[in-house]
Amino acid sequence: MTWAIGLGASASNSFDGITGSLEPKTIDEQSMAAAIRLWREFFWPHARAALRQIGLSDRHKNARRVLRWLKANRTADISVKDIRREALAQALDAEDTEKLLDGLTKAGWLRRKPLEPTGSAGCKGHRWLVNPILY
């Protein structure tokens, strides 16, 4: 960039005279470090932010919210009630929360835990095991 800016300044802000023969033959350590810093501190964070926004919906936003909550709380297993109340602050109803958890299961972040037999007539709610790779 220093070379291009310097060339532009000497050509009175006209780049018509730039050809391949005018390119620098070597790149010094300072220029390489500046290029790496530009990429790491400017281009990469902006690219990540832009890519996060492409085609994402509220469903994706809620999934990221749940994953962040799971990571912060390091919970081994969860229920619809846990996620609905704690992670999502009741933004979704139970049915939509279960659909969200099923989507996270398909993505490999969760695994549905087999139902355990209970002595009561009521059905115990489903639980999901959290993939330890999240931690």
N, C-alpha and C. Protein backbone atom coordinates (compact mmCIF):
# COMPACT_ATOMS: atom_id res chain seq x y z
N MET A 1 0.83 -1.18 0.00
CA MET A 1 0.00 0.00 0.00
C MET A 1 0.87 1.25 0.00
N THR A 2 1.98 1.19 0.72
CA THR A 2 2.90 2.33 0.75
C THR A 2 3.41 2.62 -0.65
N TRP A 3 3.78 1.57 -1.38
CA TRP A 3 4.27 1.72 -2.75
C TRP A 3 3.19 2.34 -3.64
N ALA A 4 1.94 1.86 -3.54
CA ALA A 4 0.87 2.37 -4.39
C ALA A 4 0.54 3.82 -4.06
N ILE A 5 0.52 4.14 -2.79
CA ILE A 5 0.23 5.52 -2.39
C ILE A 5 1.35 6.44 -2.86
N GLY A 6 2.59 5.99 -2.69
CA GLY A 6 3.72 6.79 -3.14
C GLY A 6 3.73 7.00 -4.64
N LEU A 7 3.37 5.99 -5.39
CA LEU A 7 3.30 6.09 -6.84
C LEU A 7 2.19 7.03 -7.26
N GLY A 8 1.05 6.93 -6.58
CA GLY A 8 -0.08 7.81 -6.90
C GLY A 8 0.24 9.25 -6.62
N ALA A 9 0.96 9.50 -5.53
CA ALA A 9 1.31 10.88 -5.17
C ALA A 9 2.26 11.47 -6.19
N SER A 10 3.17 10.64 -6.72
CA SER A 10 4.12 11.16 -7.70
C SER A 10 3.50 11.33 -9.06
N ALA A 11 2.38 10.69 -9.31
CA ALA A 11 1.72 10.79 -10.61
C ALA A 11 0.54 11.76 -10.55
N SER A 12 0.53 12.65 -9.59
CA SER A 12 -0.53 13.65 -9.44
C SER A 12 -1.91 13.02 -9.37
N ASN A 13 -2.04 12.02 -8.50
CA ASN A 13 -3.31 11.32 -8.27
C ASN A 13 -3.86 10.65 -9.51
N SER A 14 -3.03 10.32 -10.47
CA SER A 14 -3.46 9.59 -11.66
C SER A 14 -2.75 8.25 -11.68
N PHE A 15 -3.50 7.17 -11.85
CA PHE A 15 -2.92 5.83 -11.84
C PHE A 15 -2.81 5.27 -13.25
N ASP A 16 -2.95 6.11 -14.27
CA ASP A 16 -2.90 5.63 -15.65
C ASP A 16 -1.54 5.05 -16.02
N GLY A 17 -0.49 5.51 -15.38
CA GLY A 17 0.86 5.09 -15.75
C GLY A 17 1.35 3.86 -15.01
N ILE A 18 0.50 3.19 -14.19
CA ILE A 18 0.95 2.03 -13.41
C ILE A 18 1.02 0.82 -14.34
N THR A 19 2.16 0.18 -14.35
CA THR A 19 2.34 -1.06 -15.13
C THR A 19 3.02 -2.08 -14.24
N GLY A 20 3.06 -3.32 -14.70
CA GLY A 20 3.69 -4.40 -13.94
C GLY A 20 5.15 -4.15 -13.68
N SER A 21 5.82 -3.44 -14.57
CA SER A 21 7.25 -3.20 -14.39
C SER A 21 7.54 -2.23 -13.25
N LEU A 22 6.53 -1.50 -12.80
CA LEU A 22 6.73 -0.55 -11.71
C LEU A 22 6.54 -1.19 -10.32
N GLU A 23 6.09 -2.42 -10.28
CA GLU A 23 5.87 -3.07 -8.98
C GLU A 23 7.20 -3.29 -8.27
N PRO A 24 7.16 -3.27 -6.92
CA PRO A 24 8.40 -3.49 -6.17
C PRO A 24 8.92 -4.91 -6.37
N LYS A 25 10.23 -5.06 -6.36
CA LYS A 25 10.87 -6.38 -6.55
C LYS A 25 10.93 -7.16 -5.24
N THR A 26 10.99 -6.47 -4.11
CA THR A 26 11.04 -7.12 -2.80
C THR A 26 10.05 -6.43 -1.86
N ILE A 27 9.66 -7.16 -0.85
CA ILE A 27 8.77 -6.61 0.18
C ILE A 27 9.51 -6.71 1.50
N ASP A 28 9.70 -5.57 2.14
CA ASP A 28 10.48 -5.58 3.38
C ASP A 28 9.64 -6.08 4.56
N GLU A 29 10.34 -6.38 5.62
CA GLU A 29 9.69 -6.95 6.82
C GLU A 29 8.63 -6.02 7.41
N GLN A 30 8.89 -4.74 7.42
CA GLN A 30 7.94 -3.77 7.96
C GLN A 30 6.64 -3.76 7.14
N SER A 31 6.75 -3.83 5.83
CA SER A 31 5.55 -3.85 4.98
C SER A 31 4.76 -5.14 5.18
N MET A 32 5.46 -6.26 5.31
CA MET A 32 4.78 -7.54 5.54
C MET A 32 4.07 -7.54 6.89
N ALA A 33 4.70 -7.02 7.91
CA ALA A 33 4.07 -6.95 9.24
C ALA A 33 2.84 -6.04 9.19
N ALA A 34 2.93 -4.93 8.45
CA ALA A 34 1.78 -4.03 8.33
C ALA A 34 0.64 -4.70 7.59
N ALA A 35 0.94 -5.48 6.55
CA ALA A 35 -0.09 -6.19 5.80
C ALA A 35 -0.78 -7.24 6.68
N ILE A 36 -0.01 -7.95 7.45
CA ILE A 36 -0.57 -8.96 8.36
C ILE A 36 -1.45 -8.30 9.40
N ARG A 37 -0.99 -7.20 9.95
CA ARG A 37 -1.77 -6.47 10.95
C ARG A 37 -3.08 -5.95 10.33
N LEU A 38 -3.02 -5.42 9.11
CA LEU A 38 -4.23 -4.93 8.43
C LEU A 38 -5.23 -6.06 8.25
N TRP A 39 -4.75 -7.22 7.81
CA TRP A 39 -5.62 -8.36 7.60
C TRP A 39 -6.22 -8.84 8.92
N ARG A 40 -5.37 -9.03 9.92
CA ARG A 40 -5.82 -9.59 11.19
C ARG A 40 -6.73 -8.64 11.97
N GLU A 41 -6.42 -7.36 11.99
CA GLU A 41 -7.14 -6.42 12.84
C GLU A 41 -8.29 -5.70 12.13
N PHE A 42 -8.31 -5.70 10.78
CA PHE A 42 -9.36 -4.97 10.08
C PHE A 42 -10.17 -5.88 9.17
N PHE A 43 -9.52 -6.48 8.17
CA PHE A 43 -10.28 -7.26 7.20
C PHE A 43 -10.95 -8.50 7.79
N TRP A 44 -10.24 -9.29 8.60
CA TRP A 44 -10.80 -10.52 9.15
C TRP A 44 -12.00 -10.26 10.06
N PRO A 45 -11.93 -9.36 11.03
CA PRO A 45 -13.13 -9.11 11.86
C PRO A 45 -14.32 -8.59 11.03
N HIS A 46 -14.06 -7.75 10.05
CA HIS A 46 -15.16 -7.25 9.23
C HIS A 46 -15.75 -8.35 8.36
N ALA A 47 -14.91 -9.20 7.82
CA ALA A 47 -15.39 -10.32 7.01
C ALA A 47 -16.25 -11.27 7.86
N ARG A 48 -15.80 -11.57 9.06
CA ARG A 48 -16.57 -12.45 9.94
C ARG A 48 -17.92 -11.84 10.27
N ALA A 49 -17.95 -10.54 10.56
CA ALA A 49 -19.22 -9.87 10.87
C ALA A 49 -20.15 -9.91 9.67
N ALA A 50 -19.63 -9.68 8.48
CA ALA A 50 -20.47 -9.71 7.27
C ALA A 50 -20.99 -11.12 7.00
N LEU A 51 -20.14 -12.11 7.13
CA LEU A 51 -20.57 -13.49 6.87
C LEU A 51 -21.61 -13.97 7.87
N ARG A 52 -21.53 -13.47 9.11
CA ARG A 52 -22.53 -13.85 10.11
C ARG A 52 -23.92 -13.35 9.73
N GLN A 53 -23.98 -12.28 8.95
CA GLN A 53 -25.26 -11.67 8.62
C GLN A 53 -25.92 -12.24 7.36
N ILE A 54 -25.17 -12.95 6.55
CA ILE A 54 -25.70 -13.43 5.28
C ILE A 54 -26.75 -14.51 5.51
N GLY A 55 -27.96 -14.24 5.11
CA GLY A 55 -29.02 -15.23 5.15
C GLY A 55 -29.40 -15.71 6.53
N LEU A 56 -29.07 -14.98 7.57
CA LEU A 56 -29.40 -15.44 8.90
C LEU A 56 -30.76 -14.91 9.32
N SER A 57 -31.46 -15.74 10.06
CA SER A 57 -32.80 -15.39 10.53
C SER A 57 -32.81 -15.36 12.05
N ASP A 58 -34.01 -15.11 12.60
CA ASP A 58 -34.15 -15.15 14.06
C ASP A 58 -33.83 -16.54 14.60
N ARG A 59 -34.12 -17.58 13.80
CA ARG A 59 -33.82 -18.94 14.23
C ARG A 59 -32.31 -19.08 14.45
N HIS A 60 -31.52 -18.56 13.53
CA HIS A 60 -30.07 -18.62 13.68
C HIS A 60 -29.61 -17.80 14.88
N LYS A 61 -30.24 -16.65 15.06
CA LYS A 61 -29.89 -15.78 16.19
C LYS A 61 -30.17 -16.51 17.51
N ASN A 62 -31.32 -17.18 17.60
CA ASN A 62 -31.66 -17.91 18.82
C ASN A 62 -30.74 -19.10 19.03
N ALA A 63 -30.35 -19.77 17.96
CA ALA A 63 -29.43 -20.90 18.08
C ALA A 63 -28.08 -20.43 18.63
N ARG A 64 -27.56 -19.30 18.10
CA ARG A 64 -26.30 -18.76 18.61
C ARG A 64 -26.44 -18.35 20.07
N ARG A 65 -27.58 -17.80 20.42
CA ARG A 65 -27.83 -17.39 21.80
C ARG A 65 -27.81 -18.59 22.74
N VAL A 66 -28.45 -19.68 22.32
CA VAL A 66 -28.47 -20.91 23.12
C VAL A 66 -27.05 -21.47 23.26
N LEU A 67 -26.31 -21.51 22.15
CA LEU A 67 -24.94 -22.05 22.22
C LEU A 67 -24.05 -21.22 23.13
N ARG A 68 -24.19 -19.90 23.07
CA ARG A 68 -23.40 -19.05 23.98
C ARG A 68 -23.78 -19.32 25.43
N TRP A 69 -25.09 -19.49 25.69
CA TRP A 69 -25.55 -19.77 27.05
C TRP A 69 -25.01 -21.11 27.53
N LEU A 70 -25.08 -22.13 26.67
CA LEU A 70 -24.57 -23.45 27.04
C LEU A 70 -23.08 -23.38 27.36
N LYS A 71 -22.34 -22.68 26.54
CA LYS A 71 -20.90 -22.57 26.76
C LYS A 71 -20.60 -21.83 28.06
N ALA A 72 -21.33 -20.77 28.33
CA ALA A 72 -21.09 -19.99 29.55
C ALA A 72 -21.45 -20.78 30.81
N ASN A 73 -22.49 -21.61 30.72
CA ASN A 73 -22.96 -22.34 31.90
C ASN A 73 -22.39 -23.75 32.02
N ARG A 74 -21.72 -24.21 30.98
CA ARG A 74 -21.08 -25.54 30.98
C ARG A 74 -22.03 -26.62 31.51
N THR A 75 -23.22 -26.62 30.98
CA THR A 75 -24.25 -27.57 31.41
C THR A 75 -24.11 -28.86 30.61
N ALA A 76 -24.13 -30.00 31.28
CA ALA A 76 -23.96 -31.29 30.61
C ALA A 76 -25.22 -31.73 29.89
N ASP A 77 -26.38 -31.47 30.49
CA ASP A 77 -27.63 -31.81 29.82
C ASP A 77 -28.67 -30.74 30.13
N ILE A 78 -29.63 -30.60 29.20
CA ILE A 78 -30.60 -29.51 29.31
C ILE A 78 -31.99 -30.02 28.92
N SER A 79 -32.99 -29.22 29.28
CA SER A 79 -34.37 -29.51 28.90
C SER A 79 -34.91 -28.31 28.13
N VAL A 80 -36.08 -28.49 27.53
CA VAL A 80 -36.75 -27.39 26.85
C VAL A 80 -36.98 -26.25 27.85
N LYS A 81 -37.39 -26.61 29.04
CA LYS A 81 -37.68 -25.61 30.08
C LYS A 81 -36.43 -24.79 30.42
N ASP A 82 -35.28 -25.48 30.56
CA ASP A 82 -34.02 -24.78 30.87
C ASP A 82 -33.70 -23.74 29.80
N ILE A 83 -33.77 -24.17 28.56
CA ILE A 83 -33.40 -23.29 27.45
C ILE A 83 -34.42 -22.18 27.29
N ARG A 84 -35.68 -22.54 27.37
CA ARG A 84 -36.73 -21.54 27.19
C ARG A 84 -36.65 -20.44 28.25
N ARG A 85 -36.46 -20.82 29.49
CA ARG A 85 -36.44 -19.84 30.59
C ARG A 85 -35.10 -19.13 30.74
N GLU A 86 -34.05 -19.93 30.77
CA GLU A 86 -32.73 -19.36 31.11
C GLU A 86 -32.00 -18.75 29.91
N ALA A 87 -31.95 -19.48 28.81
CA ALA A 87 -31.17 -19.01 27.67
C ALA A 87 -31.92 -18.02 26.80
N LEU A 88 -33.22 -18.24 26.63
CA LEU A 88 -34.00 -17.42 25.70
C LEU A 88 -34.94 -16.44 26.38
N ALA A 89 -35.00 -16.43 27.71
CA ALA A 89 -35.87 -15.51 28.45
C ALA A 89 -37.31 -15.57 27.93
N GLN A 90 -37.76 -16.76 27.63
CA GLN A 90 -39.12 -17.05 27.16
C GLN A 90 -39.47 -16.33 25.86
N ALA A 91 -38.49 -16.11 25.00
CA ALA A 91 -38.74 -15.49 23.70
C ALA A 91 -39.48 -16.45 22.77
N LEU A 92 -39.35 -17.75 23.02
CA LEU A 92 -40.04 -18.76 22.22
C LEU A 92 -40.97 -19.57 23.11
N ASP A 93 -42.01 -20.16 22.49
CA ASP A 93 -42.86 -21.07 23.25
C ASP A 93 -42.18 -22.45 23.30
N ALA A 94 -42.76 -23.37 24.03
CA ALA A 94 -42.14 -24.69 24.23
C ALA A 94 -41.96 -25.43 22.90
N GLU A 95 -42.94 -25.35 22.02
CA GLU A 95 -42.87 -26.05 20.74
C GLU A 95 -41.73 -25.51 19.87
N ASP A 96 -41.62 -24.19 19.78
CA ASP A 96 -40.54 -23.58 18.98
C ASP A 96 -39.17 -23.83 19.61
N THR A 97 -39.13 -23.86 20.93
CA THR A 97 -37.87 -24.15 21.61
C THR A 97 -37.43 -25.58 21.31
N GLU A 98 -38.38 -26.52 21.30
CA GLU A 98 -38.04 -27.91 20.98
C GLU A 98 -37.57 -28.03 19.54
N LYS A 99 -38.18 -27.29 18.62
CA LYS A 99 -37.72 -27.29 17.22
C LYS A 99 -36.30 -26.75 17.13
N LEU A 100 -36.02 -25.71 17.89
CA LEU A 100 -34.67 -25.14 17.92
C LEU A 100 -33.67 -26.18 18.43
N LEU A 101 -34.03 -26.87 19.50
CA LEU A 101 -33.14 -27.90 20.05
C LEU A 101 -32.96 -29.05 19.07
N ASP A 102 -34.00 -29.40 18.33
CA ASP A 102 -33.87 -30.44 17.31
C ASP A 102 -32.92 -30.00 16.20
N GLY A 103 -32.96 -28.71 15.85
CA GLY A 103 -32.02 -28.18 14.86
C GLY A 103 -30.59 -28.24 15.35
N LEU A 104 -30.37 -27.93 16.62
CA LEU A 104 -29.03 -28.02 17.21
C LEU A 104 -28.58 -29.48 17.30
N THR A 105 -29.54 -30.39 17.44
CA THR A 105 -29.22 -31.82 17.44
C THR A 105 -28.75 -32.24 16.06
N LYS A 106 -29.46 -31.81 15.02
CA LYS A 106 -29.07 -32.14 13.64
C LYS A 106 -27.69 -31.57 13.31
N ALA A 107 -27.37 -30.43 13.90
CA ALA A 107 -26.07 -29.80 13.66
C ALA A 107 -24.95 -30.45 14.47
N GLY A 108 -25.31 -31.34 15.40
CA GLY A 108 -24.30 -32.05 16.18
C GLY A 108 -23.94 -31.42 17.51
N TRP A 109 -24.61 -30.35 17.90
CA TRP A 109 -24.30 -29.70 19.18
C TRP A 109 -24.97 -30.39 20.35
N LEU A 110 -26.09 -31.06 20.10
CA LEU A 110 -26.83 -31.75 21.15
C LEU A 110 -27.14 -33.17 20.71
N ARG A 111 -27.51 -34.00 21.69
CA ARG A 111 -27.99 -35.35 21.42
C ARG A 111 -29.15 -35.61 22.36
N ARG A 112 -30.27 -36.06 21.78
CA ARG A 112 -31.44 -36.33 22.62
C ARG A 112 -31.15 -37.51 23.54
N LYS A 113 -31.42 -37.32 24.80
CA LYS A 113 -31.19 -38.34 25.82
C LYS A 113 -32.39 -39.29 25.82
N PRO A 114 -32.14 -40.59 25.90
CA PRO A 114 -33.27 -41.53 25.94
C PRO A 114 -34.13 -41.27 27.18
N LEU A 115 -35.42 -41.43 27.02
CA LEU A 115 -36.33 -41.25 28.15
C LEU A 115 -36.08 -42.33 29.18
N GLU A 116 -36.05 -41.92 30.42
CA GLU A 116 -35.86 -42.87 31.52
C GLU A 116 -37.23 -43.26 32.05
N PRO A 117 -37.44 -44.53 32.31
CA PRO A 117 -38.75 -44.94 32.85
C PRO A 117 -38.96 -44.34 34.24
N THR A 118 -40.18 -43.90 34.48
CA THR A 118 -40.51 -43.33 35.78
C THR A 118 -41.61 -44.15 36.41
N GLY A 119 -41.73 -44.05 37.71
CA GLY A 119 -42.76 -44.78 38.44
C GLY A 119 -44.12 -44.10 38.36
N SER A 120 -44.15 -42.84 37.91
CA SER A 120 -45.42 -42.12 37.86
C SER A 120 -46.08 -42.27 36.49
N ALA A 121 -47.34 -41.91 36.44
CA ALA A 121 -48.09 -41.99 35.20
C ALA A 121 -47.69 -40.88 34.23
N GLY A 122 -47.16 -39.78 34.75
CA GLY A 122 -46.76 -38.66 33.89
C GLY A 122 -45.50 -38.97 33.12
N CYS A 123 -45.38 -38.35 31.96
CA CYS A 123 -44.20 -38.55 31.12
C CYS A 123 -43.12 -37.54 31.51
N LYS A 124 -41.94 -38.04 31.74
CA LYS A 124 -40.82 -37.16 32.05
C LYS A 124 -40.40 -36.45 30.76
N GLY A 125 -40.12 -35.17 30.84
CA GLY A 125 -39.75 -34.39 29.66
C GLY A 125 -38.44 -34.85 29.04
N HIS A 126 -38.30 -34.59 27.76
CA HIS A 126 -37.07 -34.93 27.06
C HIS A 126 -35.92 -34.06 27.56
N ARG A 127 -34.74 -34.65 27.51
CA ARG A 127 -33.52 -33.91 27.85
C ARG A 127 -32.53 -34.13 26.72
N TRP A 128 -31.60 -33.20 26.61
CA TRP A 128 -30.57 -33.28 25.59
C TRP A 128 -29.21 -33.23 26.26
N LEU A 129 -28.28 -34.03 25.74
CA LEU A 129 -26.89 -33.99 26.19
C LEU A 129 -26.13 -32.99 25.33
N VAL A 130 -25.29 -32.20 25.94
CA VAL A 130 -24.53 -31.17 25.22
C VAL A 130 -23.21 -31.78 24.75
N ASN A 131 -22.87 -31.53 23.50
CA ASN A 131 -21.61 -32.01 22.95
C ASN A 131 -20.46 -31.34 23.70
N PRO A 132 -19.56 -32.11 24.32
CA PRO A 132 -18.48 -31.52 25.11
C PRO A 132 -17.51 -30.68 24.29
N ILE A 133 -17.52 -30.83 22.97
CA ILE A 133 -16.63 -30.02 22.14
C ILE A 133 -16.97 -28.55 22.22
N LEU A 134 -18.20 -28.23 22.66
CA LEU A 134 -18.61 -26.84 22.83
C LEU A 134 -17.79 -26.14 23.90
N TYR A 135 -17.31 -26.90 24.88
CA TYR A 135 -16.55 -26.32 25.98
C TYR A 135 -15.09 -26.29 25.65
